């Protein structure tokens, strides 16, 4: 199990990815209005 190898770095990457997805969703919902 190498998933826990670089925990903080991986967690930061996941959080930034989630933030990017939220921004994309917000932009899409703005286009729909």
Protein backbone atom coordinates (compact mmCIF):
# COMPACT_ATOMS: atom_id res chain seq x y z
CA UNK A 1 0.00 0.00 0.00
CA UNK A 2 1.87 3.06 -1.24
CA UNK A 3 -1.19 5.31 -1.01
CA UNK A 4 -0.08 6.58 2.41
CA UNK A 5 3.46 7.19 1.17
CA UNK A 6 3.12 10.96 0.60
CA UNK A 7 -0.08 11.68 2.50
CA UNK A 8 -0.02 15.51 2.81
CA UNK A 9 1.01 16.03 -0.82
CA UNK A 10 -1.68 13.63 -2.07
CA UNK A 11 -4.30 15.25 0.17
CA UNK A 12 -3.37 18.72 -1.10
CA UNK A 13 -3.73 17.47 -4.67
CA UNK A 14 -7.17 15.99 -3.96
CA UNK A 15 -8.35 19.20 -2.26
CA UNK A 16 -7.15 21.38 -5.13
CA UNK A 17 -8.85 19.01 -7.60
CA UNK A 18 -12.14 19.28 -5.67
CA UNK A 19 -11.82 23.07 -5.65
CA UNK A 20 -11.28 23.06 -9.41
CA UNK A 21 -14.37 20.88 -9.93
CA UNK A 22 -16.48 23.22 -7.78
CA UNK A 23 -15.32 26.20 -9.82
CA UNK A 24 -16.21 24.40 -13.05
CA UNK A 25 -19.66 23.53 -11.69
CA UNK A 26 -20.25 27.15 -10.64
CA UNK A 27 -19.21 28.41 -14.08
CA UNK A 28 -21.52 25.88 -15.76
CA UNK A 29 -24.49 26.84 -13.58
CA UNK A 30 -23.84 30.52 -14.38
CA UNK A 31 -23.97 29.70 -18.10
CA UNK A 32 -27.31 27.90 -17.69
CA UNK A 33 -29.06 30.87 -16.08
